[in-house]
C-alpha cells in the first residue's frame, strides 16, 4: 500500500471515530463547553472531592439526562469532576 493511500485511510478512520463520538454524545457540544467552564470555575474555588457533584448539579440545572450523561462520561474517562474536565474536554474539543 502506498503512502498516500495509507494517509487517506488514516484520515477516513479518524473522521469515522469523530462521527461515532459525536453521535454518542448525550447532549450538545455547546452544553459540554458550558459544563467545562462551570467545572473550571467550581474546581478552582473548591477543588475536586473525587465525586461528580458539580457535573450532576450542572446536568440538573440544565434539565439534561443525568443517568445517560453520567454513563457516557464514565465510559469516556470522567469518573469525577476533575476527570470530566481533564479527559472529556480533550475529546470534545476536536469535534
Foldseek 3Di string as FASTA:
>chain_A
DDPVVVVVVVVVVVVVVLVVVCVLAQDDLVLLVVLLVQLVVVCVVPNWPQAAVSVQVSCVVVVGDRVSNQVVCVVQQPRTSVRCNVGVCVSSVVD
